[in-house]
Amino acid sequence: MPFRAKNIFAETDIAGEAEEFVTLFKSDSVKIERIVSHAQASPPGFWYDQPEDEWVIVLRGSAELEFIDGEVVEMTEGDYLVIPRRVRHRVAHTGAETIWLAVHLR
């Protein structure tokens, strides 16, 4: 099988308005996805409550995550964070052109 390298920044819709989720790898125990955000925020009153641990890094841009206990975490390029399963959180806002890498661990 020939190997072919891909680029995490290629084929992104930076000029778009909708948030873009692309699964890069998936197995029974892990899912890796690239997320492209355009000044996005979670809807008012919406909280993620995921059944798996999540490791997330901002590759480009910036973001602010809010947790149910009121804690707010500001993230810029290169910042990463582990969000344990069932910890309710939301995206307070992102920069105009933000690219994330999220790793979900079951």
PDB file of N, CA and C in Angstrom:
ATOM      1  N   MET A   1       0.846  -1.177   0.000  1.00  0.00           N
ATOM      2  CA  MET A   1       0.000   0.000   0.000  1.00  0.00           C
ATOM      3  C   MET A   1       0.894   1.245   0.000  1.00  0.00           C
ATOM      4  N   PRO A   2       0.752   2.125  -0.944  1.00  0.00           N
ATOM      5  CA  PRO A   2       1.559   3.354  -0.941  1.00  0.00           C
ATOM      6  C   PRO A   2       1.052   4.330   0.129  1.00  0.00           C
ATOM      7  N   PHE A   3       1.991   5.015   0.762  1.00  0.00           N
ATOM      8  CA  PHE A   3       1.647   6.011   1.764  1.00  0.00           C
ATOM      9  C   PHE A   3       1.602   7.379   1.102  1.00  0.00           C
ATOM     10  N   ARG A   4       0.669   8.196   1.531  1.00  0.00           N
ATOM     11  CA  ARG A   4       0.532   9.544   0.982  1.00  0.00           C
ATOM     12  C   ARG A   4       0.293  10.508   2.134  1.00  0.00           C
ATOM     13  N   ALA A   5       1.194  11.449   2.313  1.00  0.00           N
ATOM     14  CA  ALA A   5       1.035  12.445   3.372  1.00  0.00           C
ATOM     15  C   ALA A   5      -0.060  13.430   2.986  1.00  0.00           C
ATOM     16  N   LYS A   6      -0.790  13.877   3.973  1.00  0.00           N
ATOM     17  CA  LYS A   6      -1.816  14.895   3.775  1.00  0.00           C
ATOM     18  C   LYS A   6      -1.474  16.077   4.666  1.00  0.00           C
ATOM     19  N   ASN A   7      -2.069  17.219   4.387  1.00  0.00           N
ATOM     20  CA  ASN A   7      -1.788  18.432   5.148  1.00  0.00           C
ATOM     21  C   ASN A   7      -3.034  18.843   5.924  1.00  0.00           C
ATOM     22  N   ILE A   8      -2.870  19.082   7.215  1.00  0.00           N
ATOM     23  CA  ILE A   8      -3.990  19.431   8.093  1.00  0.00           C
ATOM     24  C   ILE A   8      -4.667  20.742   7.683  1.00  0.00           C
ATOM     25  N   PHE A   9      -3.927  21.634   6.996  1.00  0.00           N
ATOM     26  CA  PHE A   9      -4.471  22.930   6.599  1.00  0.00           C
ATOM     27  C   PHE A   9      -5.041  22.931   5.182  1.00  0.00           C
ATOM     28  N   ALA A  10      -4.847  21.846   4.453  1.00  0.00           N
ATOM     29  CA  ALA A  10      -5.332  21.781   3.068  1.00  0.00           C
ATOM     30  C   ALA A  10      -6.831  21.524   3.041  1.00  0.00           C
ATOM     31  N   GLU A  11      -7.446  21.986   1.990  1.00  0.00           N
ATOM     32  CA  GLU A  11      -8.860  21.734   1.730  1.00  0.00           C
ATOM     33  C   GLU A  11      -9.753  22.156   2.883  1.00  0.00           C
ATOM     34  N   THR A  12      -9.480  23.318   3.443  1.00  0.00           N
ATOM     35  CA  THR A  12     -10.371  23.879   4.454  1.00  0.00           C
ATOM     36  C   THR A  12     -11.169  25.000   3.828  1.00  0.00           C
ATOM     37  N   ASP A  13     -12.369  25.180   4.326  1.00  0.00           N
ATOM     38  CA  ASP A  13     -13.240  26.238   3.831  1.00  0.00           C
ATOM     39  C   ASP A  13     -13.113  27.451   4.742  1.00  0.00           C
ATOM     40  N   ILE A  14     -11.940  28.085   4.719  1.00  0.00           N
ATOM     41  CA  ILE A  14     -11.683  29.229   5.586  1.00  0.00           C
ATOM     42  C   ILE A  14     -12.638  30.381   5.290  1.00  0.00           C
ATOM     43  N   ALA A  15     -13.052  30.531   4.046  1.00  0.00           N
ATOM     44  CA  ALA A  15     -13.936  31.641   3.685  1.00  0.00           C
ATOM     45  C   ALA A  15     -15.398  31.347   4.018  1.00  0.00           C
ATOM     46  N   GLY A  16     -15.724  30.139   4.426  1.00  0.00           N
ATOM     47  CA  GLY A  16     -17.114  29.766   4.672  1.00  0.00           C
ATOM     48  C   GLY A  16     -17.668  30.358   5.948  1.00  0.00           C
ATOM     49  N   GLU A  17     -18.933  30.075   6.192  1.00  0.00           N
ATOM     50  CA  GLU A  17     -19.593  30.545   7.405  1.00  0.00           C
ATOM     51  C   GLU A  17     -19.946  29.405   8.343  1.00  0.00           C
ATOM     52  N   ALA A  18     -20.240  28.232   7.782  1.00  0.00           N
ATOM     53  CA  ALA A  18     -20.622  27.086   8.606  1.00  0.00           C
ATOM     54  C   ALA A  18     -19.380  26.448   9.221  1.00  0.00           C
ATOM     55  N   GLU A  19     -19.537  25.917  10.417  1.00  0.00           N
ATOM     56  CA  GLU A  19     -18.443  25.200  11.048  1.00  0.00           C
ATOM     57  C   GLU A  19     -18.265  23.873  10.318  1.00  0.00           C
ATOM     58  N   GLU A  20     -17.020  23.480  10.102  1.00  0.00           N
ATOM     59  CA  GLU A  20     -16.702  22.288   9.308  1.00  0.00           C
ATOM     60  C   GLU A  20     -16.016  21.246  10.191  1.00  0.00           C
ATOM     61  N   PHE A  21     -16.571  20.025  10.221  1.00  0.00           N
ATOM     62  CA  PHE A  21     -16.000  18.907  10.964  1.00  0.00           C
ATOM     63  C   PHE A  21     -15.580  17.845   9.965  1.00  0.00           C
ATOM     64  N   VAL A  22     -14.295  17.441  10.000  1.00  0.00           N
ATOM     65  CA  VAL A  22     -13.786  16.400   9.111  1.00  0.00           C
ATOM     66  C   VAL A  22     -13.099  15.344   9.965  1.00  0.00           C
ATOM     67  N   THR A  23     -13.574  14.095   9.875  1.00  0.00           N
ATOM     68  CA  THR A  23     -12.934  13.002  10.591  1.00  0.00           C
ATOM     69  C   THR A  23     -11.691  12.581   9.819  1.00  0.00           C
ATOM     70  N   LEU A  24     -10.540  12.653  10.484  1.00  0.00           N
ATOM     71  CA  LEU A  24      -9.260  12.306   9.872  1.00  0.00           C
ATOM     72  C   LEU A  24      -8.895  10.842  10.121  1.00  0.00           C
ATOM     73  N   PHE A  25      -9.328  10.322  11.268  1.00  0.00           N
ATOM     74  CA  PHE A  25      -9.047   8.933  11.631  1.00  0.00           C
ATOM     75  C   PHE A  25     -10.085   8.483  12.642  1.00  0.00           C
ATOM     76  N   LYS A  26     -10.503   7.211  12.519  1.00  0.00           N
ATOM     77  CA  LYS A  26     -11.478   6.686  13.468  1.00  0.00           C
ATOM     78  C   LYS A  26     -11.231   5.197  13.667  1.00  0.00           C
ATOM     79  N   SER A  27     -11.278   4.764  14.934  1.00  0.00           N
ATOM     80  CA  SER A  27     -11.205   3.347  15.278  1.00  0.00           C
ATOM     81  C   SER A  27     -12.204   3.110  16.410  1.00  0.00           C
ATOM     82  N   ASP A  28     -12.186   1.914  16.968  1.00  0.00           N
ATOM     83  CA  ASP A  28     -13.097   1.613  18.071  1.00  0.00           C
ATOM     84  C   ASP A  28     -12.795   2.440  19.317  1.00  0.00           C
ATOM     85  N   SER A  29     -11.556   2.904  19.470  1.00  0.00           N
ATOM     86  CA  SER A  29     -11.171   3.589  20.698  1.00  0.00           C
ATOM     87  C   SER A  29     -10.825   5.064  20.540  1.00  0.00           C
ATOM     88  N   VAL A  30     -10.683   5.544  19.309  1.00  0.00           N
ATOM     89  CA  VAL A  30     -10.283   6.941  19.109  1.00  0.00           C
ATOM     90  C   VAL A  30     -10.906   7.516  17.835  1.00  0.00           C
ATOM     91  N   LYS A  31     -11.212   8.812  17.895  1.00  0.00           N
ATOM     92  CA  LYS A  31     -11.638   9.544  16.709  1.00  0.00           C
ATOM     93  C   LYS A  31     -10.874  10.855  16.699  1.00  0.00           C
ATOM     94  N   ILE A  32     -10.241  11.161  15.566  1.00  0.00           N
ATOM     95  CA  ILE A  32      -9.489  12.400  15.407  1.00  0.00           C
ATOM     96  C   ILE A  32     -10.199  13.230  14.343  1.00  0.00           C
ATOM     97  N   GLU A  33     -10.509  14.473  14.689  1.00  0.00           N
ATOM     98  CA  GLU A  33     -11.189  15.318  13.717  1.00  0.00           C
ATOM     99  C   GLU A  33     -10.574  16.707  13.663  1.00  0.00           C
ATOM    100  N   ARG A  34     -10.664  17.286  12.467  1.00  0.00           N
ATOM    101  CA  ARG A  34     -10.268  18.683  12.263  1.00  0.00           C
ATOM    102  C   ARG A  34     -11.553  19.490  12.263  1.00  0.00           C
ATOM    103  N   ILE A  35     -11.533  20.614  12.973  1.00  0.00           N
ATOM    104  CA  ILE A  35     -12.687  21.493  13.036  1.00  0.00           C
ATOM    105  C   ILE A  35     -12.244  22.868  12.560  1.00  0.00           C
ATOM    106  N   VAL A  36     -12.995  23.443  11.628  1.00  0.00           N
ATOM    107  CA  VAL A  36     -12.730  24.804  11.160  1.00  0.00           C
ATOM    108  C   VAL A  36     -13.907  25.658  11.599  1.00  0.00           C
ATOM    109  N   SER A  37     -13.621  26.705  12.379  1.00  0.00           N
ATOM    110  CA  SER A  37     -14.656  27.577  12.928  1.00  0.00           C
ATOM    111  C   SER A  37     -14.478  28.997  12.403  1.00  0.00           C
ATOM    112  N   HIS A  38     -15.599  29.683  12.214  1.00  0.00           N
ATOM    113  CA  HIS A  38     -15.601  31.056  11.686  1.00  0.00           C
ATOM    114  C   HIS A  38     -16.386  31.950  12.642  1.00  0.00           C
ATOM    115  N   ALA A  39     -15.735  32.449  13.682  1.00  0.00           N
ATOM    116  CA  ALA A  39     -16.402  33.289  14.681  1.00  0.00           C
ATOM    117  C   ALA A  39     -17.664  32.595  15.200  1.00  0.00           C
ATOM    118  N   GLN A  40     -17.522  31.319  15.543  1.00  0.00           N
ATOM    119  CA  GLN A  40     -18.640  30.515  16.007  1.00  0.00           C
ATOM    120  C   GLN A  40     -18.774  30.570  17.531  1.00  0.00           C
ATOM    121  N   ALA A  41     -19.954  30.213  18.000  1.00  0.00           N
ATOM    122  CA  ALA A  41     -20.228  30.010  19.423  1.00  0.00           C
ATOM    123  C   ALA A  41     -21.318  28.962  19.528  1.00  0.00           C
ATOM    124  N   SER A  42     -21.302  28.213  20.628  1.00  0.00           N
ATOM    125  CA  SER A  42     -22.396  27.272  20.876  1.00  0.00           C
ATOM    126  C   SER A  42     -23.683  28.069  21.064  1.00  0.00           C
ATOM    127  N   PRO A  43     -24.819  27.503  20.673  1.00  0.00           N
ATOM    128  CA  PRO A  43     -26.088  28.206  20.871  1.00  0.00           C
ATOM    129  C   PRO A  43     -26.331  28.497  22.354  1.00  0.00           C
ATOM    130  N   PRO A  44     -27.046  29.567  22.670  1.00  0.00           N
ATOM    131  CA  PRO A  44     -27.346  29.884  24.069  1.00  0.00           C
ATOM    132  C   PRO A  44     -28.005  28.684  24.761  1.00  0.00           C
ATOM    133  N   GLY A  45     -27.512  28.358  25.943  1.00  0.00           N
ATOM    134  CA  GLY A  45     -28.077  27.257  26.712  1.00  0.00           C
ATOM    135  C   GLY A  45     -27.605  25.875  26.307  1.00  0.00           C
ATOM    136  N   PHE A  46     -26.813  25.772  25.225  1.00  0.00           N
ATOM    137  CA  PHE A  46     -26.325  24.469  24.768  1.00  0.00           C
ATOM    138  C   PHE A  46     -25.027  24.122  25.478  1.00  0.00           C
ATOM    139  N   TRP A  47     -24.915  22.860  25.930  1.00  0.00           N
ATOM    140  CA  TRP A  47     -23.701  22.359  26.569  1.00  0.00           C
ATOM    141  C   TRP A  47     -23.339  21.010  25.972  1.00  0.00           C
ATOM    142  N   TYR A  48     -22.067  20.847  25.586  1.00  0.00           N
ATOM    143  CA  TYR A  48     -21.583  19.517  25.202  1.00  0.00           C
ATOM    144  C   TYR A  48     -21.513  18.676  26.468  1.00  0.00           C
ATOM    145  N   ASP A  49     -21.920  17.410  26.371  1.00  0.00           N
ATOM    146  CA  ASP A  49     -21.852  16.454  27.475  1.00  0.00           C
ATOM    147  C   ASP A  49     -21.460  15.122  26.846  1.00  0.00           C
ATOM    148  N   GLN A  50     -20.182  14.984  26.559  1.00  0.00           N
ATOM    149  CA  GLN A  50     -19.680  13.885  25.738  1.00  0.00           C
ATOM    150  C   GLN A  50     -19.355  12.647  26.554  1.00  0.00           C
ATOM    151  N   PRO A  51     -19.605  11.457  25.989  1.00  0.00           N
ATOM    152  CA  PRO A  51     -19.322  10.215  26.711  1.00  0.00           C
ATOM    153  C   PRO A  51     -17.857   9.784  26.645  1.00  0.00           C
ATOM    154  N   GLU A  52     -17.003  10.577  25.995  1.00  0.00           N
ATOM    155  CA  GLU A  52     -15.585  10.223  25.897  1.00  0.00           C
ATOM    156  C   GLU A  52     -14.714  11.410  26.312  1.00  0.00           C
ATOM    157  N   ASP A  53     -13.464  11.105  26.703  1.00  0.00           N
ATOM    158  CA  ASP A  53     -12.494  12.162  26.977  1.00  0.00           C
ATOM    159  C   ASP A  53     -12.144  12.837  25.661  1.00  0.00           C
ATOM    160  N   GLU A  54     -11.809  14.138  25.727  1.00  0.00           N
ATOM    161  CA  GLU A  54     -11.431  14.869  24.519  1.00  0.00           C
ATOM    162  C   GLU A  54     -10.159  15.663  24.783  1.00  0.00           C
ATOM    163  N   TRP A  55      -9.204  15.519  23.872  1.00  0.00           N
ATOM    164  CA  TRP A  55      -7.995  16.341  23.863  1.00  0.00           C
ATOM    165  C   TRP A  55      -8.150  17.261  22.673  1.00  0.00           C
ATOM    166  N   VAL A  56      -8.019  18.573  22.887  1.00  0.00           N
ATOM    167  CA  VAL A  56      -8.237  19.529  21.807  1.00  0.00           C
ATOM    168  C   VAL A  56      -7.095  20.544  21.791  1.00  0.00           C
ATOM    169  N   ILE A  57      -6.682  20.936  20.572  1.00  0.00           N
ATOM    170  CA  ILE A  57      -5.632  21.940  20.393  1.00  0.00           C
ATOM    171  C   ILE A  57      -6.088  22.937  19.335  1.00  0.00           C
ATOM    172  N   VAL A  58      -5.764  24.201  19.551  1.00  0.00           N
ATOM    173  CA  VAL A  58      -6.009  25.235  18.547  1.00  0.00           C
ATOM    174  C   VAL A  58      -4.743  25.331  17.690  1.00  0.00           C
ATOM    175  N   LEU A  59      -4.889  25.013  16.411  1.00  0.00           N
ATOM    176  CA  LEU A  59      -3.751  25.072  15.491  1.00  0.00           C
ATOM    177  C   LEU A  59      -3.589  26.461  14.883  1.00  0.00           C
ATOM    178  N   ARG A  60      -4.712  27.095  14.604  1.00  0.00           N
ATOM    179  CA  ARG A  60      -4.736  28.474  14.070  1.00  0.00           C
ATOM    180  C   ARG A  60      -5.888  29.215  14.716  1.00  0.00           C
ATOM    181  N   GLY A  61      -5.703  30.499  14.940  1.00  0.00           N
ATOM    182  CA  GLY A  61      -6.790  31.315  15.466  1.00  0.00           C
ATOM    183  C   GLY A  61      -6.845  31.300  16.978  1.00  0.00           C
ATOM    184  N   SER A  62      -8.066  31.439  17.504  1.00  0.00           N
ATOM    185  CA  SER A  62      -8.257  31.506  18.945  1.00  0.00           C
ATOM    186  C   SER A  62      -9.664  31.024  19.294  1.00  0.00           C
ATOM    187  N   ALA A  63      -9.843  30.704  20.570  1.00  0.00           N
ATOM    188  CA  ALA A  63     -11.146  30.241  21.034  1.00  0.00           C
ATOM    189  C   ALA A  63     -11.255  30.467  22.528  1.00  0.00           C
ATOM    190  N   GLU A  64     -12.486  30.499  22.988  1.00  0.00           N
ATOM    191  CA  GLU A  64     -12.759  30.594  24.412  1.00  0.00           C
ATOM    192  C   GLU A  64     -13.790  29.519  24.754  1.00  0.00           C
ATOM    193  N   LEU A  65     -13.413  28.634  25.678  1.00  0.00           N
ATOM    194  CA  LEU A  65     -14.305  27.575  26.129  1.00  0.00           C
ATOM    195  C   LEU A  65     -14.845  27.939  27.501  1.00  0.00           C
ATOM    196  N   GLU A  66     -16.114  27.645  27.715  1.00  0.00           N
ATOM    197  CA  GLU A  66     -16.765  27.904  28.990  1.00  0.00           C
ATOM    198  C   GLU A  66     -17.233  26.567  29.570  1.00  0.00           C
ATOM    199  N   PHE A  67     -17.035  26.388  30.869  1.00  0.00           N
ATOM    200  CA  PHE A  67     -17.429  25.167  31.540  1.00  0.00           C
ATOM    201  C   PHE A  67     -18.620  25.435  32.447  1.00  0.00           C
ATOM    202  N   ILE A  68     -19.386  24.392  32.719  1.00  0.00           N
ATOM    203  CA  ILE A  68     -20.642  24.515  33.457  1.00  0.00           C
ATOM    204  C   ILE A  68     -20.433  25.146  34.837  1.00  0.00           C
ATOM    205  N   ASP A  69     -19.232  24.978  35.409  1.00  0.00           N
ATOM    206  CA  ASP A  69     -18.959  25.556  36.728  1.00  0.00           C
ATOM    207  C   ASP A  69     -18.581  27.036  36.667  1.00  0.00           C
ATOM    208  N   GLY A  70     -18.612  27.620  35.441  1.00  0.00           N
ATOM    209  CA  GLY A  70     -18.307  29.039  35.279  1.00  0.00           C
ATOM    210  C   GLY A  70     -16.874  29.324  34.854  1.00  0.00           C
ATOM    211  N   GLU A  71     -16.008  28.322  34.880  1.00  0.00           N
ATOM    212  CA  GLU A  71     -14.619  28.531  34.459  1.00  0.00           C
ATOM    213  C   GLU A  71     -14.574  28.808  32.956  1.00  0.00           C
ATOM    214  N   VAL A  72     -13.726  29.758  32.566  1.00  0.00           N
ATOM    215  CA  VAL A  72     -13.542  30.122  31.162  1.00  0.00           C
ATOM    216  C   VAL A  72     -12.067  29.930  30.830  1.00  0.00           C
ATOM    217  N   VAL A  73     -11.806  29.260  29.706  1.00  0.00           N
ATOM    218  CA  VAL A  73     -10.431  29.008  29.271  1.00  0.00           C
ATOM    219  C   VAL A  73     -10.242  29.652  27.904  1.00  0.00           C
ATOM    220  N   GLU A  74      -9.306  30.581  27.835  1.00  0.00           N
ATOM    221  CA  GLU A  74      -8.953  31.211  26.558  1.00  0.00           C
ATOM    222  C   GLU A  74      -7.828  30.414  25.925  1.00  0.00           C
ATOM    223  N   MET A  75      -7.958  30.143  24.635  1.00  0.00           N
ATOM    224  CA  MET A  75      -6.961  29.356  23.923  1.00  0.00           C
ATOM    225  C   MET A  75      -6.494  30.116  22.689  1.00  0.00           C
ATOM    226  N   THR A  76      -5.192  30.095  22.457  1.00  0.00           N
ATOM    227  CA  THR A  76      -4.610  30.669  21.250  1.00  0.00           C
ATOM    228  C   THR A  76      -3.799  29.582  20.565  1.00  0.00           C
ATOM    229  N   GLU A  77      -3.204  29.907  19.450  1.00  0.00           N
ATOM    230  CA  GLU A  77      -2.467  28.924  18.652  1.00  0.00           C
ATOM    231  C   GLU A  77      -1.459  28.157  19.498  1.00  0.00           C
ATOM    232  N   GLY A  78      -1.563  26.843  19.434  1.00  0.00           N
ATOM    233  CA  GLY A  78      -0.660  25.964  20.171  1.00  0.00           C
ATOM    234  C   GLY A  78      -1.179  25.532  21.521  1.00  0.00           C
ATOM    235  N   ASP A  79      -2.232  26.172  22.030  1.00  0.00           N
ATOM    236  CA  ASP A  79      -2.782  25.787  23.330  1.00  0.00           C
ATOM    237  C   ASP A  79      -3.621  24.529  23.191  1.00  0.00           C
ATOM    238  N   TYR A  80      -3.468  23.620  24.155  1.00  0.00           N
ATOM    239  CA  TYR A  80      -4.279  22.401  24.156  1.00  0.00           C
ATOM    240  C   TYR A  80      -4.834  22.154  25.541  1.00  0.00           C
ATOM    241  N   LEU A  81      -5.859  21.287  25.578  1.00  0.00           N
ATOM    242  CA  LEU A  81      -6.607  21.065  26.802  1.00  0.00           C
ATOM    243  C   LEU A  81      -7.217  19.671  26.777  1.00  0.00           C
ATOM    244  N   VAL A  82      -7.283  19.028  27.929  1.00  0.00           N
ATOM    245  CA  VAL A  82      -7.995  17.766  28.065  1.00  0.00           C
ATOM    246  C   VAL A  82      -9.327  18.064  28.752  1.00  0.00           C
ATOM    247  N   ILE A  83     -10.409  17.607  28.126  1.00  0.00           N
ATOM    248  CA  ILE A  83     -11.745  17.759  28.709  1.00  0.00           C
ATOM    249  C   ILE A  83     -12.228  16.350  29.072  1.00  0.00           C
ATOM    250  N   PRO A  84     -12.312  16.046  30.367  1.00  0.00           N
ATOM    251  CA  PRO A  84     -12.756  14.710  30.757  1.00  0.00           C
ATOM    252  C   PRO A  84     -14.202  14.451  30.324  1.00  0.00           C
ATOM    253  N   ARG A  85     -14.494  13.184  30.112  1.00  0.00           N
ATOM    254  CA  ARG A  85     -15.861  12.801  29.721  1.00  0.00           C
ATOM    255  C   ARG A  85     -16.867  13.333  30.730  1.00  0.00           C
ATOM    256  N   ARG A  86     -18.014  13.690  30.209  1.00  0.00           N
ATOM    257  CA  ARG A  86     -19.162  14.174  30.973  1.00  0.00           C
ATOM    258  C   ARG A  86     -18.960  15.530  31.648  1.00  0.00           C
ATOM    259  N   VAL A  87     -17.851  16.223  31.364  1.00  0.00           N
ATOM    260  CA  VAL A  87     -17.678  17.584  31.868  1.00  0.00           C
ATOM    261  C   VAL A  87     -18.377  18.507  30.872  1.00  0.00           C
ATOM    262  N   ARG A  88     -19.447  19.116  31.317  1.00  0.00           N
ATOM    263  CA  ARG A  88     -20.248  19.946  30.417  1.00  0.00           C
ATOM    264  C   ARG A  88     -19.489  21.232  30.083  1.00  0.00           C
ATOM    265  N   HIS A  89     -19.453  21.526  28.773  1.00  0.00           N
ATOM    266  CA  HIS A  89     -18.714  22.683  28.286  1.00  0.00           C
ATOM    267  C   HIS A  89     -19.361  23.197  27.011  1.00  0.00           C
ATOM    268  N   ARG A  90     -18.974  24.408  26.619  1.00  0.00           N
ATOM    269  CA  ARG A  90     -19.483  25.015  25.396  1.00  0.00           C
ATOM    270  C   ARG A  90     -18.406  25.921  24.812  1.00  0.00           C
ATOM    271  N   VAL A  91     -18.563  26.237  23.531  1.00  0.00           N
ATOM    272  CA  VAL A  91     -17.661  27.192  22.888  1.00  0.00           C
ATOM    273  C   VAL A  91     -18.286  28.573  23.074  1.00  0.00           C
ATOM    274  N   ALA A  92     -17.609  29.426  23.840  1.00  0.00           N
ATOM    275  CA  ALA A  92     -18.120  30.784  24.055  1.00  0.00           C
ATOM    276  C   ALA A  92     -17.960  31.604  22.784  1.00  0.00           C
ATOM    277  N   HIS A  93     -16.811  31.468  22.134  1.00  0.00           N
ATOM    278  CA  HIS A  93     -16.589  32.080  20.817  1.00  0.00           C
ATOM    279  C   HIS A  93     -15.253  31.624  20.257  1.00  0.00           C
ATOM    280  N   THR A  94     -15.122  31.764  18.935  1.00  0.00           N
ATOM    281  CA  THR A  94     -13.850  31.482  18.277  1.00  0.00           C
ATOM    282  C   THR A  94     -13.452  32.695  17.456  1.00  0.00           C
ATOM    283  N   GLY A  95     -12.191  32.711  17.037  1.00  0.00           N
ATOM    284  CA  GLY A  95     -11.737  33.737  16.114  1.00  0.00           C
ATOM    285  C   GLY A  95     -12.377  33.537  14.746  1.00  0.00           C
ATOM    286  N   ALA A  96     -12.165  34.488  13.870  1.00  0.00           N
ATOM    287  CA  ALA A  96     -12.772  34.450  12.536  1.00  0.00           C
ATOM    288  C   ALA A  96     -12.297  33.250  11.718  1.00  0.00           C
ATOM    289  N   GLU A  97     -11.060  32.830  11.925  1.00  0.00           N
ATOM    290  CA  GLU A  97     -10.496  31.681  11.200  1.00  0.00           C
ATOM    291  C   GLU A  97      -9.751  30.797  12.198  1.00  0.00           C
ATOM    292  N   THR A  98     -10.476  29.873  12.789  1.00  0.00           N
ATOM    293  CA  THR A  98      -9.892  29.005  13.816  1.00  0.00           C
ATOM    294  C   THR A  98      -9.902  27.562  13.332  1.00  0.00           C
ATOM    295  N   ILE A  99      -8.754  26.908  13.440  1.00  0.00           N
ATOM    296  CA  ILE A  99      -8.634  25.496  13.077  1.00  0.00           C
ATOM    297  C   ILE A  99      -8.218  24.734  14.328  1.00  0.00           C
ATOM    298  N   TRP A 100      -9.010  23.728  14.670  1.00  0.00           N
ATOM    299  CA  TRP A 100      -8.788  22.885  15.840  1.00  0.00           C
ATOM    300  C   TRP A 100      -8.432  21.472  15.391  1.00  0.00           C
ATOM    301  N   LEU A 101      -7.795  20.741  16.279  1.00  0.00           N
ATOM    302  CA  LEU A 101      -7.649  19.304  16.146  1.00  0.00           C
ATOM    303  C   LEU A 101      -8.217  18.720  17.442  1.00  0.00           C
ATOM    304  N   ALA A 102      -9.190  17.808  17.291  1.00  0.00           N
ATOM    305  CA  ALA A 102      -9.827  17.193  18.456  1.00  0.00           C
ATOM    306  C   ALA A 102      -9.600  15.687  18.418  1.00  0.00           C
ATOM    307  N   VAL A 103      -9.199  15.131  19.546  1.00  0.00           N
ATOM    308  CA  VAL A 103      -9.002  13.696  19.678  1.00  0.00           C
ATOM    309  C   VAL A 103      -9.965  13.206  20.754  1.00  0.00           C
ATOM    310  N   HIS A 104     -10.906  12.347  20.347  1.00  0.00           N
ATOM    311  CA  HIS A 104     -11.905  11.784  21.259  1.00  0.00           C
ATOM    312  C   HIS A 104     -11.471  10.368  21.633  1.00  0.00           C
ATOM    313  N   LEU A 105     -11.340  10.105  22.932  1.00  0.00           N
ATOM    314  CA  LEU A 105     -10.856   8.810  23.425  1.00  0.00           C
ATOM    315  C   LEU A 105     -11.956   8.090  24.174  1.00  0.00           C
ATOM    316  N   ARG A 106     -12.283   6.901  23.716  1.00  0.00           N
ATOM    317  CA  ARG A 106     -13.340   6.103  24.361  1.00  0.00           C
ATOM    318  C   ARG A 106     -12.766   5.216  25.425  1.00  0.00           C
TER     319      ARG A 106
END
